[in-house]
């Protein structure tokens, strides 16, 4: 059995993340898991989820998908 750790990152801000920002979040999470837990590179599964900021529910949900 192979242990595959997963991490969900929930982002709530005025504008959606760029592709570069998403990749930077994933790389930083992977580096932290490697350093603190010894997780091998490429083993961590990172999911970045975006949500409209509170009070911004009227905006199109597809913008935040």
Foldseek 3Di string as FASTA:
>chain_A
DDDAAEEEAEDEDDAEDDPVRVVVVVVVVQVVCCVPVVDDPPRYHYHYFYDYHPVRVVDDVVRRD
